Amino acid sequence: MSIATWDLGAGESTALSFALKNPSYRAMVDDTAARRCAQTLGISTLGTGGAIVLAKQRGLIESVGNRLQLLRDSGLWLSEEVFNLLKQKADEGA
């Protein structure tokens, strides 16, 4: 099975193709279909929320909750469950 058969957007397809050819990299994707494709093909992924948690762990930002709320305010749908999970991963509680 190839990435093309998943009928993903150009950005997702490009990111996954690069990560497939370069296994030391992770593909940064949030789209559910793209994540399923990556899992099927054994491609490591990182989503926007995970990148925000990583930024806090590296001392680049002070608050995951504030950044996630900014994303929500700009129109990104993020379930309350995932919102709280990401805050917990960043030691900000639920």
PDB file of N, CA and C in Angstrom:
ATOM      1  N   MET A   1       0.839  -1.177   0.000  1.00  0.00           N
ATOM      2  CA  MET A   1       0.000   0.000   0.000  1.00  0.00           C
ATOM      3  C   MET A   1       0.887   1.244   0.000  1.00  0.00           C
ATOM      4  N   SER A   2       0.540   2.219  -0.833  1.00  0.00           N
ATOM      5  CA  SER A   2       1.327   3.444  -0.910  1.00  0.00           C
ATOM      6  C   SER A   2       0.539   4.613  -0.335  1.00  0.00           C
ATOM      7  N   ILE A   3       1.235   5.706  -0.091  1.00  0.00           N
ATOM      8  CA  ILE A   3       0.600   6.899   0.452  1.00  0.00           C
ATOM      9  C   ILE A   3      -0.444   7.435  -0.525  1.00  0.00           C
ATOM     10  N   ALA A   4      -0.174   7.356  -1.808  1.00  0.00           N
ATOM     11  CA  ALA A   4      -1.098   7.883  -2.824  1.00  0.00           C
ATOM     12  C   ALA A   4      -2.474   7.224  -2.748  1.00  0.00           C
ATOM     13  N   THR A   5      -2.532   5.967  -2.363  1.00  0.00           N
ATOM     14  CA  THR A   5      -3.820   5.271  -2.307  1.00  0.00           C
ATOM     15  C   THR A   5      -4.725   5.793  -1.196  1.00  0.00           C
ATOM     16  N   TRP A   6      -4.186   6.571  -0.277  1.00  0.00           N
ATOM     17  CA  TRP A   6      -4.975   7.107   0.834  1.00  0.00           C
ATOM     18  C   TRP A   6      -5.720   8.376   0.445  1.00  0.00           C
ATOM     19  N   ASP A   7      -5.418   8.953  -0.693  1.00  0.00           N
ATOM     20  CA  ASP A   7      -6.110  10.150  -1.179  1.00  0.00           C
ATOM     21  C   ASP A   7      -6.097  11.280  -0.146  1.00  0.00           C
ATOM     22  N   LEU A   8      -4.904  11.562   0.375  1.00  0.00           N
ATOM     23  CA  LEU A   8      -4.728  12.622   1.366  1.00  0.00           C
ATOM     24  C   LEU A   8      -4.472  13.943   0.660  1.00  0.00           C
ATOM     25  N   GLY A   9      -4.456  15.018   1.403  1.00  0.00           N
ATOM     26  CA  GLY A   9      -4.102  16.314   0.846  1.00  0.00           C
ATOM     27  C   GLY A   9      -2.629  16.346   0.474  1.00  0.00           C
ATOM     28  N   ALA A  10      -2.271  17.342  -0.316  1.00  0.00           N
ATOM     29  CA  ALA A  10      -0.886  17.464  -0.788  1.00  0.00           C
ATOM     30  C   ALA A  10       0.104  17.606   0.367  1.00  0.00           C
ATOM     31  N   GLY A  11      -0.250  18.406   1.368  1.00  0.00           N
ATOM     32  CA  GLY A  11       0.653  18.614   2.504  1.00  0.00           C
ATOM     33  C   GLY A  11       0.881  17.350   3.305  1.00  0.00           C
ATOM     34  N   GLU A  12      -0.195  16.639   3.605  1.00  0.00           N
ATOM     35  CA  GLU A  12      -0.074  15.392   4.362  1.00  0.00           C
ATOM     36  C   GLU A  12       0.722  14.356   3.576  1.00  0.00           C
ATOM     37  N   SER A  13       0.424  14.243   2.287  1.00  0.00           N
ATOM     38  CA  SER A  13       1.134  13.271   1.446  1.00  0.00           C
ATOM     39  C   SER A  13       2.626  13.574   1.388  1.00  0.00           C
ATOM     40  N   THR A  14       2.968  14.844   1.253  1.00  0.00           N
ATOM     41  CA  THR A  14       4.378  15.238   1.186  1.00  0.00           C
ATOM     42  C   THR A  14       5.088  14.948   2.500  1.00  0.00           C
ATOM     43  N   ALA A  15       4.461  15.318   3.613  1.00  0.00           N
ATOM     44  CA  ALA A  15       5.073  15.085   4.924  1.00  0.00           C
ATOM     45  C   ALA A  15       5.273  13.594   5.176  1.00  0.00           C
ATOM     46  N   LEU A  16       4.269  12.795   4.858  1.00  0.00           N
ATOM     47  CA  LEU A  16       4.380  11.348   5.080  1.00  0.00           C
ATOM     48  C   LEU A  16       5.399  10.714   4.143  1.00  0.00           C
ATOM     49  N   SER A  17       5.447  11.163   2.906  1.00  0.00           N
ATOM     50  CA  SER A  17       6.425  10.631   1.952  1.00  0.00           C
ATOM     51  C   SER A  17       7.850  10.917   2.421  1.00  0.00           C
ATOM     52  N   PHE A  18       8.070  12.139   2.904  1.00  0.00           N
ATOM     53  CA  PHE A  18       9.401  12.497   3.402  1.00  0.00           C
ATOM     54  C   PHE A  18       9.780  11.620   4.593  1.00  0.00           C
ATOM     55  N   ALA A  19       8.854  11.469   5.538  1.00  0.00           N
ATOM     56  CA  ALA A  19       9.143  10.660   6.730  1.00  0.00           C
ATOM     57  C   ALA A  19       9.334   9.192   6.387  1.00  0.00           C
ATOM     58  N   LEU A  20       8.625   8.714   5.379  1.00  0.00           N
ATOM     59  CA  LEU A  20       8.789   7.320   4.960  1.00  0.00           C
ATOM     60  C   LEU A  20      10.188   7.094   4.388  1.00  0.00           C
ATOM     61  N   LYS A  21      10.686   8.062   3.633  1.00  0.00           N
ATOM     62  CA  LYS A  21      12.030   7.964   3.035  1.00  0.00           C
ATOM     63  C   LYS A  21      13.134   8.294   4.033  1.00  0.00           C
ATOM     64  N   ASN A  22      12.778   8.978   5.117  1.00  0.00           N
ATOM     65  CA  ASN A  22      13.749   9.412   6.125  1.00  0.00           C
ATOM     66  C   ASN A  22      13.243   9.001   7.505  1.00  0.00           C
ATOM     67  N   PRO A  23      13.400   7.724   7.856  1.00  0.00           N
ATOM     68  CA  PRO A  23      12.791   7.207   9.083  1.00  0.00           C
ATOM     69  C   PRO A  23      13.265   7.848  10.386  1.00  0.00           C
ATOM     70  N   SER A  24      14.337   8.629  10.352  1.00  0.00           N
ATOM     71  CA  SER A  24      14.777   9.292  11.581  1.00  0.00           C
ATOM     72  C   SER A  24      13.950  10.548  11.861  1.00  0.00           C
ATOM     73  N   TYR A  25      13.063  10.910  10.934  1.00  0.00           N
ATOM     74  CA  TYR A  25      12.174  12.053  11.097  1.00  0.00           C
ATOM     75  C   TYR A  25      10.752  11.589  11.397  1.00  0.00           C
ATOM     76  N   ARG A  26       9.987  12.456  12.055  1.00  0.00           N
ATOM     77  CA  ARG A  26       8.567  12.214  12.273  1.00  0.00           C
ATOM     78  C   ARG A  26       7.779  13.129  11.341  1.00  0.00           C
ATOM     79  N   ALA A  27       6.656  12.655  10.893  1.00  0.00           N
ATOM     80  CA  ALA A  27       5.759  13.485  10.094  1.00  0.00           C
ATOM     81  C   ALA A  27       4.856  14.251  11.044  1.00  0.00           C
ATOM     82  N   MET A  28       4.734  15.546  10.831  1.00  0.00           N
ATOM     83  CA  MET A  28       3.852  16.347  11.674  1.00  0.00           C
ATOM     84  C   MET A  28       2.510  16.457  10.966  1.00  0.00           C
ATOM     85  N   VAL A  29       1.549  15.670  11.454  1.00  0.00           N
ATOM     86  CA  VAL A  29       0.213  15.638  10.869  1.00  0.00           C
ATOM     87  C   VAL A  29      -0.833  15.568  11.976  1.00  0.00           C
ATOM     88  N   ASP A  30      -1.962  16.208  11.727  1.00  0.00           N
ATOM     89  CA  ASP A  30      -3.089  16.163  12.658  1.00  0.00           C
ATOM     90  C   ASP A  30      -4.291  15.447  12.063  1.00  0.00           C
ATOM     91  N   ASP A  31      -4.379  15.433  10.750  1.00  0.00           N
ATOM     92  CA  ASP A  31      -5.500  14.831  10.045  1.00  0.00           C
ATOM     93  C   ASP A  31      -5.630  13.347  10.405  1.00  0.00           C
ATOM     94  N   THR A  32      -6.850  12.924  10.740  1.00  0.00           N
ATOM     95  CA  THR A  32      -7.090  11.548  11.171  1.00  0.00           C
ATOM     96  C   THR A  32      -6.696  10.531  10.103  1.00  0.00           C
ATOM     97  N   ALA A  33      -7.069  10.779   8.860  1.00  0.00           N
ATOM     98  CA  ALA A  33      -6.726   9.843   7.777  1.00  0.00           C
ATOM     99  C   ALA A  33      -5.209   9.763   7.596  1.00  0.00           C
ATOM    100  N   ALA A  34      -4.529  10.881   7.717  1.00  0.00           N
ATOM    101  CA  ALA A  34      -3.069  10.896   7.581  1.00  0.00           C
ATOM    102  C   ALA A  34      -2.411  10.113   8.722  1.00  0.00           C
ATOM    103  N   ARG A  35      -2.959  10.241   9.911  1.00  0.00           N
ATOM    104  CA  ARG A  35      -2.410   9.485  11.050  1.00  0.00           C
ATOM    105  C   ARG A  35      -2.631   7.980  10.863  1.00  0.00           C
ATOM    106  N   ARG A  36      -3.790   7.617  10.347  1.00  0.00           N
ATOM    107  CA  ARG A  36      -4.053   6.190  10.085  1.00  0.00           C
ATOM    108  C   ARG A  36      -3.099   5.658   9.024  1.00  0.00           C
ATOM    109  N   CYS A  37      -2.895   6.433   7.984  1.00  0.00           N
ATOM    110  CA  CYS A  37      -1.959   6.044   6.934  1.00  0.00           C
ATOM    111  C   CYS A  37      -0.565   5.844   7.527  1.00  0.00           C
ATOM    112  N   ALA A  38      -0.128   6.809   8.323  1.00  0.00           N
ATOM    113  CA  ALA A  38       1.206   6.725   8.939  1.00  0.00           C
ATOM    114  C   ALA A  38       1.333   5.482   9.813  1.00  0.00           C
ATOM    115  N   GLN A  39       0.310   5.216  10.600  1.00  0.00           N
ATOM    116  CA  GLN A  39       0.343   4.039  11.473  1.00  0.00           C
ATOM    117  C   GLN A  39       0.434   2.771  10.639  1.00  0.00           C
ATOM    118  N   THR A  40      -0.346   2.686   9.573  1.00  0.00           N
ATOM    119  CA  THR A  40      -0.342   1.515   8.701  1.00  0.00           C
ATOM    120  C   THR A  40       1.026   1.300   8.071  1.00  0.00           C
ATOM    121  N   LEU A  41       1.684   2.397   7.687  1.00  0.00           N
ATOM    122  CA  LEU A  41       2.975   2.304   7.005  1.00  0.00           C
ATOM    123  C   LEU A  41       4.166   2.366   7.959  1.00  0.00           C
ATOM    124  N   GLY A  42       3.904   2.447   9.259  1.00  0.00           N
ATOM    125  CA  GLY A  42       4.978   2.462  10.247  1.00  0.00           C
ATOM    126  C   GLY A  42       5.745   3.769  10.306  1.00  0.00           C
ATOM    127  N   ILE A  43       5.076   4.865   9.996  1.00  0.00           N
ATOM    128  CA  ILE A  43       5.704   6.183  10.012  1.00  0.00           C
ATOM    129  C   ILE A  43       5.431   6.840  11.360  1.00  0.00           C
ATOM    130  N   SER A  44       6.460   7.342  12.004  1.00  0.00           N
ATOM    131  CA  SER A  44       6.296   8.059  13.272  1.00  0.00           C
ATOM    132  C   SER A  44       5.681   9.420  13.004  1.00  0.00           C
ATOM    133  N   THR A  45       4.775   9.833  13.888  1.00  0.00           N
ATOM    134  CA  THR A  45       4.113  11.126  13.716  1.00  0.00           C
ATOM    135  C   THR A  45       4.200  11.965  14.981  1.00  0.00           C
ATOM    136  N   LEU A  46       3.945  13.235  14.786  1.00  0.00           N
ATOM    137  CA  LEU A  46       3.826  14.185  15.881  1.00  0.00           C
ATOM    138  C   LEU A  46       2.750  15.161  15.456  1.00  0.00           C
ATOM    139  N   GLY A  47       1.792  15.408  16.331  1.00  0.00           N
ATOM    140  CA  GLY A  47       0.739  16.364  16.028  1.00  0.00           C
ATOM    141  C   GLY A  47       1.071  17.729  16.589  1.00  0.00           C
ATOM    142  N   THR A  48       0.231  18.693  16.284  1.00  0.00           N
ATOM    143  CA  THR A  48       0.432  20.051  16.765  1.00  0.00           C
ATOM    144  C   THR A  48       0.464  20.096  18.289  1.00  0.00           C
ATOM    145  N   GLY A  49      -0.459  19.382  18.923  1.00  0.00           N
ATOM    146  CA  GLY A  49      -0.483  19.347  20.387  1.00  0.00           C
ATOM    147  C   GLY A  49       0.798  18.781  20.962  1.00  0.00           C
ATOM    148  N   GLY A  50       1.292  17.708  20.370  1.00  0.00           N
ATOM    149  CA  GLY A  50       2.542  17.116  20.826  1.00  0.00           C
ATOM    150  C   GLY A  50       3.721  18.064  20.659  1.00  0.00           C
ATOM    151  N   ALA A  51       3.719  18.830  19.581  1.00  0.00           N
ATOM    152  CA  ALA A  51       4.784  19.805  19.351  1.00  0.00           C
ATOM    153  C   ALA A  51       4.739  20.912  20.404  1.00  0.00           C
ATOM    154  N   ILE A  52       3.534  21.291  20.812  1.00  0.00           N
ATOM    155  CA  ILE A  52       3.393  22.321  21.846  1.00  0.00           C
ATOM    156  C   ILE A  52       3.886  21.795  23.188  1.00  0.00           C
ATOM    157  N   VAL A  53       3.558  20.553  23.507  1.00  0.00           N
ATOM    158  CA  VAL A  53       4.058  19.944  24.750  1.00  0.00           C
ATOM    159  C   VAL A  53       5.584  19.879  24.710  1.00  0.00           C
ATOM    160  N   LEU A  54       6.137  19.471  23.603  1.00  0.00           N
ATOM    161  CA  LEU A  54       7.591  19.394  23.451  1.00  0.00           C
ATOM    162  C   LEU A  54       8.237  20.769  23.614  1.00  0.00           C
ATOM    163  N   ALA A  55       7.599  21.802  23.073  1.00  0.00           N
ATOM    164  CA  ALA A  55       8.123  23.162  23.208  1.00  0.00           C
ATOM    165  C   ALA A  55       8.183  23.577  24.681  1.00  0.00           C
ATOM    166  N   LYS A  56       7.171  23.196  25.450  1.00  0.00           N
ATOM    167  CA  LYS A  56       7.201  23.533  26.874  1.00  0.00           C
ATOM    168  C   LYS A  56       8.294  22.744  27.593  1.00  0.00           C
ATOM    169  N   GLN A  57       8.408  21.461  27.270  1.00  0.00           N
ATOM    170  CA  GLN A  57       9.425  20.627  27.908  1.00  0.00           C
ATOM    171  C   GLN A  57      10.834  21.157  27.631  1.00  0.00           C
ATOM    172  N   ARG A  58      11.006  21.796  26.499  1.00  0.00           N
ATOM    173  CA  ARG A  58      12.322  22.349  26.135  1.00  0.00           C
ATOM    174  C   ARG A  58      12.497  23.795  26.578  1.00  0.00           C
ATOM    175  N   GLY A  59      11.513  24.322  27.302  1.00  0.00           N
ATOM    176  CA  GLY A  59      11.614  25.663  27.840  1.00  0.00           C
ATOM    177  C   GLY A  59      11.360  26.778  26.833  1.00  0.00           C
ATOM    178  N   LEU A  60      10.730  26.457  25.717  1.00  0.00           N
ATOM    179  CA  LEU A  60      10.486  27.464  24.682  1.00  0.00           C
ATOM    180  C   LEU A  60       9.207  28.260  24.917  1.00  0.00           C
ATOM    181  N   ILE A  61       8.268  27.670  25.638  1.00  0.00           N
ATOM    182  CA  ILE A  61       7.021  28.351  25.992  1.00  0.00           C
ATOM    183  C   ILE A  61       6.728  28.066  27.455  1.00  0.00           C
ATOM    184  N   GLU A  62       5.901  28.898  28.045  1.00  0.00           N
ATOM    185  CA  GLU A  62       5.574  28.730  29.466  1.00  0.00           C
ATOM    186  C   GLU A  62       4.336  27.901  29.711  1.00  0.00           C
ATOM    187  N   SER A  63       3.362  27.952  28.796  1.00  0.00           N
ATOM    188  CA  SER A  63       2.081  27.303  29.050  1.00  0.00           C
ATOM    189  C   SER A  63       1.539  26.596  27.820  1.00  0.00           C
ATOM    190  N   VAL A  64       1.257  25.318  27.972  1.00  0.00           N
ATOM    191  CA  VAL A  64       0.604  24.543  26.921  1.00  0.00           C
ATOM    192  C   VAL A  64      -0.865  24.941  26.823  1.00  0.00           C
ATOM    193  N   GLY A  65      -1.523  25.094  27.969  1.00  0.00           N
ATOM    194  CA  GLY A  65      -2.937  25.431  27.989  1.00  0.00           C
ATOM    195  C   GLY A  65      -3.237  26.715  27.232  1.00  0.00           C
ATOM    196  N   ASN A  66      -2.422  27.739  27.432  1.00  0.00           N
ATOM    197  CA  ASN A  66      -2.634  29.012  26.742  1.00  0.00           C
ATOM    198  C   ASN A  66      -2.477  28.861  25.232  1.00  0.00           C
ATOM    199  N   ARG A  67      -1.469  28.111  24.803  1.00  0.00           N
ATOM    200  CA  ARG A  67      -1.242  27.923  23.364  1.00  0.00           C
ATOM    201  C   ARG A  67      -2.356  27.108  22.730  1.00  0.00           C
ATOM    202  N   LEU A  68      -2.806  26.081  23.433  1.00  0.00           N
ATOM    203  CA  LEU A  68      -3.908  25.274  22.912  1.00  0.00           C
ATOM    204  C   LEU A  68      -5.186  26.111  22.798  1.00  0.00           C
ATOM    205  N   GLN A  69      -5.413  26.975  23.778  1.00  0.00           N
ATOM    206  CA  GLN A  69      -6.595  27.826  23.723  1.00  0.00           C
ATOM    207  C   GLN A  69      -6.505  28.802  22.551  1.00  0.00           C
ATOM    208  N   LEU A  70      -5.329  29.312  22.270  1.00  0.00           N
ATOM    209  CA  LEU A  70      -5.148  30.190  21.106  1.00  0.00           C
ATOM    210  C   LEU A  70      -5.499  29.448  19.812  1.00  0.00           C
ATOM    211  N   LEU A  71      -5.093  28.192  19.729  1.00  0.00           N
ATOM    212  CA  LEU A  71      -5.440  27.393  18.546  1.00  0.00           C
ATOM    213  C   LEU A  71      -6.945  27.201  18.449  1.00  0.00           C
ATOM    214  N   ARG A  72      -7.568  26.902  19.565  1.00  0.00           N
ATOM    215  CA  ARG A  72      -9.028  26.759  19.580  1.00  0.00           C
ATOM    216  C   ARG A  72      -9.701  28.059  19.135  1.00  0.00           C
ATOM    217  N   ASP A  73      -9.222  29.161  19.680  1.00  0.00           N
ATOM    218  CA  ASP A  73      -9.805  30.465  19.363  1.00  0.00           C
ATOM    219  C   ASP A  73      -9.659  30.811  17.880  1.00  0.00           C
ATOM    220  N   SER A  74      -8.633  30.250  17.234  1.00  0.00           N
ATOM    221  CA  SER A  74      -8.432  30.531  15.811  1.00  0.00           C
ATOM    222  C   SER A  74      -9.179  29.544  14.914  1.00  0.00           C
ATOM    223  N   GLY A  75      -9.905  28.601  15.527  1.00  0.00           N
ATOM    224  CA  GLY A  75     -10.759  27.718  14.745  1.00  0.00           C
ATOM    225  C   GLY A  75     -10.380  26.245  14.739  1.00  0.00           C
ATOM    226  N   LEU A  76      -9.297  25.870  15.381  1.00  0.00           N
ATOM    227  CA  LEU A  76      -8.920  24.456  15.439  1.00  0.00           C
ATOM    228  C   LEU A  76      -9.838  23.740  16.413  1.00  0.00           C
ATOM    229  N   TRP A  77     -10.469  22.653  15.951  1.00  0.00           N
ATOM    230  CA  TRP A  77     -11.296  21.865  16.856  1.00  0.00           C
ATOM    231  C   TRP A  77     -10.390  20.944  17.646  1.00  0.00           C
ATOM    232  N   LEU A  78     -10.553  20.951  18.953  1.00  0.00           N
ATOM    233  CA  LEU A  78      -9.761  20.117  19.846  1.00  0.00           C
ATOM    234  C   LEU A  78     -10.683  19.684  20.971  1.00  0.00           C
ATOM    235  N   SER A  79     -10.874  18.368  21.108  1.00  0.00           N
ATOM    236  CA  SER A  79     -11.783  17.878  22.146  1.00  0.00           C
ATOM    237  C   SER A  79     -11.254  18.236  23.529  1.00  0.00           C
ATOM    238  N   GLU A  80     -12.172  18.319  24.465  1.00  0.00           N
ATOM    239  CA  GLU A  80     -11.792  18.608  25.850  1.00  0.00           C
ATOM    240  C   GLU A  80     -10.882  17.507  26.396  1.00  0.00           C
ATOM    241  N   GLU A  81     -11.148  16.275  25.987  1.00  0.00           N
ATOM    242  CA  GLU A  81     -10.328  15.138  26.435  1.00  0.00           C
ATOM    243  C   GLU A  81      -8.878  15.299  25.981  1.00  0.00           C
ATOM    244  N   VAL A  82      -8.677  15.622  24.713  1.00  0.00           N
ATOM    245  CA  VAL A  82      -7.318  15.793  24.187  1.00  0.00           C
ATOM    246  C   VAL A  82      -6.672  17.036  24.797  1.00  0.00           C
ATOM    247  N   PHE A  83      -7.440  18.102  24.933  1.00  0.00           N
ATOM    248  CA  PHE A  83      -6.949  19.332  25.562  1.00  0.00           C
ATOM    249  C   PHE A  83      -6.375  19.022  26.941  1.00  0.00           C
ATOM    250  N   ASN A  84      -7.150  18.299  27.752  1.00  0.00           N
ATOM    251  CA  ASN A  84      -6.716  17.960  29.110  1.00  0.00           C
ATOM    252  C   ASN A  84      -5.557  16.975  29.119  1.00  0.00           C
ATOM    253  N   LEU A  85      -5.561  16.026  28.208  1.00  0.00           N
ATOM    254  CA  LEU A  85      -4.460  15.068  28.114  1.00  0.00           C
ATOM    255  C   LEU A  85      -3.138  15.782  27.816  1.00  0.00           C
ATOM    256  N   LEU A  86      -3.168  16.714  26.888  1.00  0.00           N
ATOM    257  CA  LEU A  86      -1.950  17.460  26.541  1.00  0.00           C
ATOM    258  C   LEU A  86      -1.474  18.310  27.714  1.00  0.00           C
ATOM    259  N   LYS A  87      -2.410  18.922  28.438  1.00  0.00           N
ATOM    260  CA  LYS A  87      -2.026  19.683  29.621  1.00  0.00           C
ATOM    261  C   LYS A  87      -1.384  18.781  30.680  1.00  0.00           C
ATOM    262  N   GLN A  88      -1.938  17.577  30.857  1.00  0.00           N
ATOM    263  CA  GLN A  88      -1.357  16.635  31.822  1.00  0.00           C
ATOM    264  C   GLN A  88       0.052  16.246  31.420  1.00  0.00           C
ATOM    265  N   LYS A  89       0.256  15.986  30.114  1.00  0.00           N
ATOM    266  CA  LYS A  89       1.595  15.625  29.637  1.00  0.00           C
ATOM    267  C   LYS A  89       2.607  16.733  29.892  1.00  0.00           C
ATOM    268  N   ALA A  90       2.110  17.955  29.964  1.00  0.00           N
ATOM    269  CA  ALA A  90       2.986  19.094  30.205  1.00  0.00           C
ATOM    270  C   ALA A  90       3.017  19.493  31.683  1.00  0.00           C
ATOM    271  N   ASP A  91       2.494  18.616  32.538  1.00  0.00           N
ATOM    272  CA  ASP A  91       2.444  18.864  33.977  1.00  0.00           C
ATOM    273  C   ASP A  91       1.695  20.140  34.333  1.00  0.00           C
ATOM    274  N   GLU A  92       0.584  20.383  33.612  1.00  0.00           N
ATOM    275  CA  GLU A  92      -0.260  21.546  33.909  1.00  0.00           C
ATOM    276  C   GLU A  92      -1.606  21.110  34.492  1.00  0.00           C
ATOM    277  N   GLY A  93      -1.725  19.852  34.853  1.00  0.00           N
ATOM    278  CA  GLY A  93      -2.981  19.364  35.413  1.00  0.00           C
ATOM    279  C   GLY A  93      -4.050  19.246  34.369  1.00  0.00           C
ATOM    280  N   ALA A  94      -5.275  19.017  34.818  1.00  0.00           N
ATOM    281  CA  ALA A  94      -6.386  18.838  33.881  1.00  0.00           C
ATOM    282  C   ALA A  94      -7.312  20.015  33.879  1.00  0.00           C
TER     283      ALA A  94
END
